[in-house]
Amino acid sequence: MIAAVAAAATAILAKIGIEGVPSNLATALRTIVVLIFAWAIVFARREHRALSTVKRRSFVFLGLSGVATGASWLAYYHALELAPASSVAPIDKVSLAFTILMAALILKEHISLRTGFGVALQVGGALLTLWSA
């Protein structure tokens, strides 16, 4: 629940903050804050001690995840620059459908009929929010 509320706040705060700021610069500024915040938590919890045990494979995939995150954030902020947050956020949440599809294809996770139906409803709902604007 905290993640959902924080994600909602992200869209609203970003839309306010991006006014008059190029979207790529806004993303870079946000990234600095995330970087400092994340490392502060790592050091506060003393998790930095595990850094030497992280395997090369994990570094590679976490690095690729970072590239994907960067691309996502740059696109999201560009979209916020161009459109209302109430239109950008629902499209961003369609990532749920892509995540579930990729989990099935790449991770071989079982996707139930109920989950598939739920995803279809979520995507349909996101599209309805755009068409009603």
N, C-alpha and C. Protein backbone atom coordinates (compact mmCIF):
# COMPACT_ATOMS: atom_id res chain seq x y z
N MET A 1 0.82 -1.19 0.00
CA MET A 1 0.00 0.00 0.00
C MET A 1 0.87 1.26 0.00
N ILE A 2 1.96 1.24 0.76
CA ILE A 2 2.87 2.38 0.78
C ILE A 2 3.40 2.65 -0.62
N ALA A 3 3.75 1.59 -1.34
CA ALA A 3 4.28 1.75 -2.70
C ALA A 3 3.25 2.42 -3.61
N ALA A 4 1.99 2.04 -3.49
CA ALA A 4 0.95 2.61 -4.34
C ALA A 4 0.73 4.09 -4.03
N VAL A 5 0.70 4.44 -2.76
CA VAL A 5 0.52 5.84 -2.38
C VAL A 5 1.73 6.67 -2.81
N ALA A 6 2.93 6.12 -2.62
CA ALA A 6 4.14 6.82 -3.03
C ALA A 6 4.17 7.01 -4.54
N ALA A 7 3.74 6.01 -5.30
CA ALA A 7 3.70 6.13 -6.76
C ALA A 7 2.71 7.22 -7.18
N ALA A 8 1.58 7.29 -6.51
CA ALA A 8 0.60 8.33 -6.82
C ALA A 8 1.17 9.71 -6.52
N ALA A 9 1.82 9.83 -5.37
CA ALA A 9 2.45 11.10 -5.01
C ALA A 9 3.55 11.47 -6.01
N THR A 10 4.26 10.48 -6.52
CA THR A 10 5.31 10.72 -7.50
C THR A 10 4.76 11.44 -8.72
N ALA A 11 3.65 10.95 -9.24
CA ALA A 11 3.07 11.56 -10.44
C ALA A 11 2.65 13.01 -10.19
N ILE A 12 2.00 13.25 -9.08
CA ILE A 12 1.50 14.59 -8.78
C ILE A 12 2.66 15.55 -8.50
N LEU A 13 3.59 15.12 -7.65
CA LEU A 13 4.73 15.98 -7.32
C LEU A 13 5.60 16.25 -8.54
N ALA A 14 5.78 15.24 -9.38
CA ALA A 14 6.57 15.42 -10.60
C ALA A 14 5.90 16.40 -11.56
N LYS A 15 4.59 16.28 -11.71
CA LYS A 15 3.86 17.17 -12.61
C LYS A 15 4.00 18.62 -12.15
N ILE A 16 3.95 18.84 -10.85
CA ILE A 16 4.13 20.19 -10.32
C ILE A 16 5.58 20.64 -10.51
N GLY A 17 6.52 19.76 -10.20
CA GLY A 17 7.94 20.11 -10.24
C GLY A 17 8.51 20.27 -11.63
N ILE A 18 7.91 19.64 -12.62
CA ILE A 18 8.47 19.67 -13.97
C ILE A 18 8.14 20.97 -14.71
N GLU A 19 7.24 21.76 -14.15
CA GLU A 19 6.85 23.00 -14.81
C GLU A 19 8.06 23.91 -15.05
N GLY A 20 8.32 24.17 -16.31
CA GLY A 20 9.44 25.03 -16.69
C GLY A 20 10.80 24.36 -16.65
N VAL A 21 10.83 23.05 -16.44
CA VAL A 21 12.09 22.30 -16.36
C VAL A 21 12.07 21.24 -17.47
N PRO A 22 13.14 21.16 -18.28
CA PRO A 22 13.18 20.10 -19.29
C PRO A 22 13.04 18.72 -18.63
N SER A 23 12.30 17.83 -19.28
CA SER A 23 11.99 16.54 -18.66
C SER A 23 13.23 15.71 -18.34
N ASN A 24 14.25 15.75 -19.20
CA ASN A 24 15.46 14.98 -18.92
C ASN A 24 16.20 15.52 -17.71
N LEU A 25 16.25 16.84 -17.56
CA LEU A 25 16.87 17.44 -16.38
C LEU A 25 16.07 17.10 -15.13
N ALA A 26 14.76 17.15 -15.23
CA ALA A 26 13.92 16.79 -14.08
C ALA A 26 14.18 15.35 -13.65
N THR A 27 14.31 14.46 -14.63
CA THR A 27 14.59 13.04 -14.32
C THR A 27 15.95 12.91 -13.65
N ALA A 28 16.94 13.63 -14.14
CA ALA A 28 18.28 13.56 -13.55
C ALA A 28 18.27 14.07 -12.11
N LEU A 29 17.56 15.16 -11.87
CA LEU A 29 17.47 15.68 -10.50
C LEU A 29 16.78 14.69 -9.58
N ARG A 30 15.69 14.09 -10.05
CA ARG A 30 14.99 13.08 -9.27
C ARG A 30 15.91 11.90 -8.97
N THR A 31 16.68 11.50 -9.95
CA THR A 31 17.57 10.36 -9.79
C THR A 31 18.62 10.61 -8.71
N ILE A 32 19.12 11.83 -8.63
CA ILE A 32 20.09 12.17 -7.58
C ILE A 32 19.47 11.96 -6.20
N VAL A 33 18.23 12.41 -6.05
CA VAL A 33 17.55 12.26 -4.76
C VAL A 33 17.34 10.78 -4.44
N VAL A 34 16.90 10.01 -5.43
CA VAL A 34 16.69 8.57 -5.22
C VAL A 34 18.01 7.90 -4.84
N LEU A 35 19.09 8.26 -5.52
CA LEU A 35 20.40 7.67 -5.25
C LEU A 35 20.84 7.94 -3.81
N ILE A 36 20.74 9.19 -3.39
CA ILE A 36 21.13 9.55 -2.02
C ILE A 36 20.25 8.84 -1.00
N PHE A 37 18.95 8.85 -1.24
CA PHE A 37 17.99 8.23 -0.33
C PHE A 37 18.25 6.73 -0.20
N ALA A 38 18.45 6.05 -1.33
CA ALA A 38 18.68 4.60 -1.31
C ALA A 38 19.97 4.25 -0.58
N TRP A 39 21.06 4.98 -0.88
CA TRP A 39 22.33 4.68 -0.20
C TRP A 39 22.28 5.01 1.29
N ALA A 40 21.53 6.03 1.66
CA ALA A 40 21.38 6.35 3.08
C ALA A 40 20.71 5.19 3.81
N ILE A 41 19.70 4.61 3.20
CA ILE A 41 19.01 3.46 3.81
C ILE A 41 19.96 2.26 3.88
N VAL A 42 20.70 2.01 2.81
CA VAL A 42 21.66 0.89 2.78
C VAL A 42 22.66 1.02 3.92
N PHE A 43 23.23 2.21 4.10
CA PHE A 43 24.22 2.40 5.17
C PHE A 43 23.56 2.38 6.55
N ALA A 44 22.38 2.95 6.68
CA ALA A 44 21.69 2.95 7.97
C ALA A 44 21.37 1.53 8.43
N ARG A 45 21.06 0.66 7.47
CA ARG A 45 20.75 -0.74 7.80
C ARG A 45 21.98 -1.64 7.74
N ARG A 46 23.13 -1.04 7.46
CA ARG A 46 24.42 -1.74 7.37
C ARG A 46 24.43 -2.82 6.28
N GLU A 47 23.62 -2.64 5.26
CA GLU A 47 23.56 -3.61 4.16
C GLU A 47 24.74 -3.47 3.21
N HIS A 48 25.48 -2.38 3.30
CA HIS A 48 26.65 -2.18 2.44
C HIS A 48 27.70 -3.26 2.67
N ARG A 49 27.65 -3.91 3.80
CA ARG A 49 28.62 -4.98 4.11
C ARG A 49 28.45 -6.18 3.17
N ALA A 50 27.29 -6.35 2.59
CA ALA A 50 27.02 -7.48 1.69
C ALA A 50 27.48 -7.19 0.26
N LEU A 51 27.97 -5.99 0.01
CA LEU A 51 28.37 -5.61 -1.34
C LEU A 51 29.42 -6.55 -1.93
N SER A 52 30.35 -6.99 -1.14
CA SER A 52 31.43 -7.86 -1.64
C SER A 52 30.92 -9.27 -1.98
N THR A 53 29.73 -9.62 -1.55
CA THR A 53 29.20 -10.96 -1.81
C THR A 53 28.27 -11.00 -3.03
N VAL A 54 28.01 -9.84 -3.62
CA VAL A 54 27.10 -9.79 -4.77
C VAL A 54 27.81 -10.41 -5.97
N LYS A 55 27.15 -11.36 -6.60
CA LYS A 55 27.73 -12.07 -7.74
C LYS A 55 27.68 -11.21 -9.01
N ARG A 56 28.59 -11.52 -9.93
CA ARG A 56 28.68 -10.79 -11.19
C ARG A 56 27.35 -10.81 -11.94
N ARG A 57 26.69 -11.95 -11.97
CA ARG A 57 25.40 -12.09 -12.66
C ARG A 57 24.38 -11.10 -12.09
N SER A 58 24.37 -10.97 -10.77
CA SER A 58 23.45 -10.02 -10.14
C SER A 58 23.78 -8.59 -10.56
N PHE A 59 25.06 -8.25 -10.59
CA PHE A 59 25.47 -6.91 -11.04
C PHE A 59 24.98 -6.65 -12.47
N VAL A 60 25.15 -7.64 -13.35
CA VAL A 60 24.73 -7.48 -14.74
C VAL A 60 23.23 -7.24 -14.83
N PHE A 61 22.44 -8.08 -14.17
CA PHE A 61 20.99 -7.93 -14.27
C PHE A 61 20.48 -6.70 -13.52
N LEU A 62 21.09 -6.34 -12.41
CA LEU A 62 20.70 -5.11 -11.73
C LEU A 62 21.08 -3.89 -12.57
N GLY A 63 22.20 -3.99 -13.28
CA GLY A 63 22.59 -2.91 -14.19
C GLY A 63 21.59 -2.77 -15.33
N LEU A 64 21.20 -3.89 -15.92
CA LEU A 64 20.19 -3.86 -16.98
C LEU A 64 18.86 -3.32 -16.47
N SER A 65 18.51 -3.70 -15.25
CA SER A 65 17.30 -3.18 -14.62
C SER A 65 17.41 -1.66 -14.45
N GLY A 66 18.59 -1.19 -14.10
CA GLY A 66 18.81 0.25 -13.96
C GLY A 66 18.64 0.98 -15.28
N VAL A 67 19.13 0.38 -16.37
CA VAL A 67 18.95 0.98 -17.69
C VAL A 67 17.46 1.04 -18.03
N ALA A 68 16.74 -0.05 -17.76
CA ALA A 68 15.30 -0.07 -18.02
C ALA A 68 14.58 0.98 -17.16
N THR A 69 14.98 1.11 -15.91
CA THR A 69 14.39 2.12 -15.04
C THR A 69 14.64 3.51 -15.58
N GLY A 70 15.88 3.76 -16.00
CA GLY A 70 16.22 5.07 -16.56
C GLY A 70 15.38 5.39 -17.79
N ALA A 71 15.23 4.42 -18.67
CA ALA A 71 14.42 4.63 -19.87
C ALA A 71 12.96 4.90 -19.49
N SER A 72 12.46 4.14 -18.51
CA SER A 72 11.09 4.32 -18.05
C SER A 72 10.90 5.72 -17.47
N TRP A 73 11.81 6.14 -16.62
CA TRP A 73 11.69 7.46 -15.98
C TRP A 73 11.79 8.59 -17.00
N LEU A 74 12.72 8.46 -17.95
CA LEU A 74 12.86 9.51 -18.97
C LEU A 74 11.58 9.63 -19.80
N ALA A 75 11.02 8.49 -20.18
CA ALA A 75 9.78 8.50 -20.96
C ALA A 75 8.62 9.03 -20.13
N TYR A 76 8.55 8.64 -18.87
CA TYR A 76 7.47 9.08 -17.98
C TYR A 76 7.50 10.59 -17.79
N TYR A 77 8.69 11.14 -17.53
CA TYR A 77 8.80 12.58 -17.32
C TYR A 77 8.52 13.35 -18.61
N HIS A 78 8.93 12.79 -19.74
CA HIS A 78 8.62 13.43 -21.02
C HIS A 78 7.11 13.45 -21.23
N ALA A 79 6.46 12.35 -20.91
CA ALA A 79 5.00 12.29 -21.02
C ALA A 79 4.34 13.30 -20.09
N LEU A 80 4.85 13.45 -18.87
CA LEU A 80 4.30 14.43 -17.94
C LEU A 80 4.48 15.85 -18.46
N GLU A 81 5.54 16.06 -19.20
CA GLU A 81 5.80 17.37 -19.79
C GLU A 81 4.73 17.70 -20.85
N LEU A 82 4.21 16.67 -21.49
CA LEU A 82 3.29 16.84 -22.61
C LEU A 82 1.82 16.69 -22.27
N ALA A 83 1.51 15.96 -21.20
CA ALA A 83 0.12 15.60 -20.94
C ALA A 83 -0.21 15.69 -19.45
N PRO A 84 -1.50 15.72 -19.12
CA PRO A 84 -1.90 15.75 -17.71
C PRO A 84 -1.49 14.46 -16.98
N ALA A 85 -1.18 14.59 -15.71
CA ALA A 85 -0.81 13.43 -14.89
C ALA A 85 -1.93 12.39 -14.88
N SER A 86 -3.17 12.84 -14.96
CA SER A 86 -4.30 11.91 -14.95
C SER A 86 -4.37 11.07 -16.22
N SER A 87 -3.67 11.47 -17.26
CA SER A 87 -3.58 10.66 -18.48
C SER A 87 -2.31 9.83 -18.51
N VAL A 88 -1.23 10.37 -17.97
CA VAL A 88 0.06 9.68 -18.00
C VAL A 88 0.08 8.49 -17.04
N ALA A 89 -0.41 8.69 -15.83
CA ALA A 89 -0.35 7.63 -14.82
C ALA A 89 -1.06 6.35 -15.23
N PRO A 90 -2.27 6.41 -15.79
CA PRO A 90 -2.92 5.15 -16.19
C PRO A 90 -2.13 4.39 -17.25
N ILE A 91 -1.56 5.10 -18.20
CA ILE A 91 -0.76 4.43 -19.24
C ILE A 91 0.47 3.79 -18.61
N ASP A 92 1.08 4.49 -17.65
CA ASP A 92 2.24 3.94 -16.95
C ASP A 92 1.88 2.64 -16.25
N LYS A 93 0.68 2.56 -15.72
CA LYS A 93 0.26 1.37 -14.97
C LYS A 93 -0.04 0.17 -15.87
N VAL A 94 -0.13 0.41 -17.17
CA VAL A 94 -0.30 -0.71 -18.10
C VAL A 94 0.95 -1.59 -18.07
N SER A 95 2.01 -1.08 -17.46
CA SER A 95 3.23 -1.90 -17.29
C SER A 95 2.91 -3.19 -16.54
N LEU A 96 1.85 -3.19 -15.74
CA LEU A 96 1.43 -4.41 -15.04
C LEU A 96 1.22 -5.55 -16.03
N ALA A 97 0.54 -5.25 -17.14
CA ALA A 97 0.28 -6.29 -18.14
C ALA A 97 1.59 -6.79 -18.75
N PHE A 98 2.50 -5.88 -19.05
CA PHE A 98 3.79 -6.28 -19.63
C PHE A 98 4.62 -7.07 -18.62
N THR A 99 4.55 -6.68 -17.35
CA THR A 99 5.29 -7.41 -16.32
C THR A 99 4.80 -8.85 -16.21
N ILE A 100 3.50 -9.03 -16.18
CA ILE A 100 2.94 -10.37 -16.06
C ILE A 100 3.25 -11.20 -17.29
N LEU A 101 3.15 -10.61 -18.46
CA LEU A 101 3.49 -11.32 -19.70
C LEU A 101 4.97 -11.74 -19.70
N MET A 102 5.85 -10.82 -19.33
CA MET A 102 7.28 -11.14 -19.29
C MET A 102 7.61 -12.17 -18.21
N ALA A 103 6.90 -12.09 -17.09
CA ALA A 103 7.11 -13.09 -16.02
C ALA A 103 6.76 -14.48 -16.53
N ALA A 104 5.70 -14.57 -17.32
CA ALA A 104 5.30 -15.86 -17.87
C ALA A 104 6.30 -16.34 -18.91
N LEU A 105 6.71 -15.46 -19.80
CA LEU A 105 7.60 -15.85 -20.89
C LEU A 105 9.05 -16.07 -20.46
N ILE A 106 9.57 -15.19 -19.63
CA ILE A 106 10.99 -15.24 -19.26
C ILE A 106 11.23 -16.06 -18.00
N LEU A 107 10.40 -15.81 -16.98
CA LEU A 107 10.59 -16.48 -15.69
C LEU A 107 9.79 -17.78 -15.58
N LYS A 108 8.98 -18.06 -16.59
CA LYS A 108 8.16 -19.28 -16.62
C LYS A 108 7.18 -19.34 -15.45
N GLU A 109 6.70 -18.18 -15.00
CA GLU A 109 5.72 -18.14 -13.93
C GLU A 109 4.35 -18.52 -14.49
N HIS A 110 3.57 -19.23 -13.69
CA HIS A 110 2.23 -19.62 -14.09
C HIS A 110 1.30 -18.43 -13.90
N ILE A 111 0.53 -18.14 -14.92
CA ILE A 111 -0.43 -17.05 -14.85
C ILE A 111 -1.83 -17.66 -14.92
N SER A 112 -2.60 -17.47 -13.87
CA SER A 112 -3.92 -18.07 -13.81
C SER A 112 -4.91 -17.29 -14.70
N LEU A 113 -6.00 -17.93 -14.99
CA LEU A 113 -7.07 -17.30 -15.75
C LEU A 113 -7.59 -16.06 -15.01
N ARG A 114 -7.69 -16.17 -13.70
CA ARG A 114 -8.15 -15.05 -12.87
C ARG A 114 -7.20 -13.85 -13.01
N THR A 115 -5.90 -14.13 -12.98
CA THR A 115 -4.92 -13.06 -13.14
C THR A 115 -5.03 -12.43 -14.53
N GLY A 116 -5.16 -13.27 -15.55
CA GLY A 116 -5.32 -12.77 -16.90
C GLY A 116 -6.54 -11.88 -17.05
N PHE A 117 -7.63 -12.30 -16.43
CA PHE A 117 -8.86 -11.52 -16.46
C PHE A 117 -8.67 -10.18 -15.74
N GLY A 118 -8.02 -10.23 -14.60
CA GLY A 118 -7.74 -9.01 -13.84
C GLY A 118 -6.88 -8.03 -14.61
N VAL A 119 -5.88 -8.55 -15.30
CA VAL A 119 -5.01 -7.69 -16.11
C VAL A 119 -5.81 -7.08 -17.26
N ALA A 120 -6.67 -7.87 -17.89
CA ALA A 120 -7.49 -7.35 -18.98
C ALA A 120 -8.39 -6.22 -18.47
N LEU A 121 -8.97 -6.39 -17.29
CA LEU A 121 -9.80 -5.34 -16.71
C LEU A 121 -8.97 -4.09 -16.41
N GLN A 122 -7.75 -4.29 -15.90
CA GLN A 122 -6.89 -3.15 -15.58
C GLN A 122 -6.51 -2.38 -16.83
N VAL A 123 -6.14 -3.08 -17.89
CA VAL A 123 -5.78 -2.42 -19.14
C VAL A 123 -7.01 -1.71 -19.72
N GLY A 124 -8.15 -2.39 -19.69
CA GLY A 124 -9.39 -1.77 -20.16
C GLY A 124 -9.71 -0.51 -19.36
N GLY A 125 -9.54 -0.57 -18.07
CA GLY A 125 -9.79 0.59 -17.22
C GLY A 125 -8.85 1.74 -17.54
N ALA A 126 -7.59 1.43 -17.79
CA ALA A 126 -6.62 2.48 -18.15
C ALA A 126 -7.03 3.14 -19.46
N LEU A 127 -7.45 2.34 -20.43
CA LEU A 127 -7.88 2.89 -21.71
C LEU A 127 -9.15 3.74 -21.56
N LEU A 128 -10.06 3.29 -20.70
CA LEU A 128 -11.28 4.07 -20.46
C LEU A 128 -10.97 5.44 -19.87
N THR A 129 -9.98 5.51 -19.01
CA THR A 129 -9.63 6.81 -18.42
C THR A 129 -9.11 7.77 -19.47
N LEU A 130 -8.49 7.24 -20.50
CA LEU A 130 -7.98 8.11 -21.57
C LEU A 130 -9.11 8.58 -22.48
N TRP A 131 -10.01 7.69 -22.81
CA TRP A 131 -11.09 8.02 -23.72
C TRP A 131 -12.13 8.94 -23.09
N SER A 132 -12.18 8.93 -21.77
CA SER A 132 -13.18 9.78 -21.09
C SER A 132 -12.67 11.19 -20.90
N ALA A 133 -11.40 11.43 -21.16
CA ALA A 133 -10.82 12.76 -20.94
C ALA A 133 -11.27 13.77 -21.98
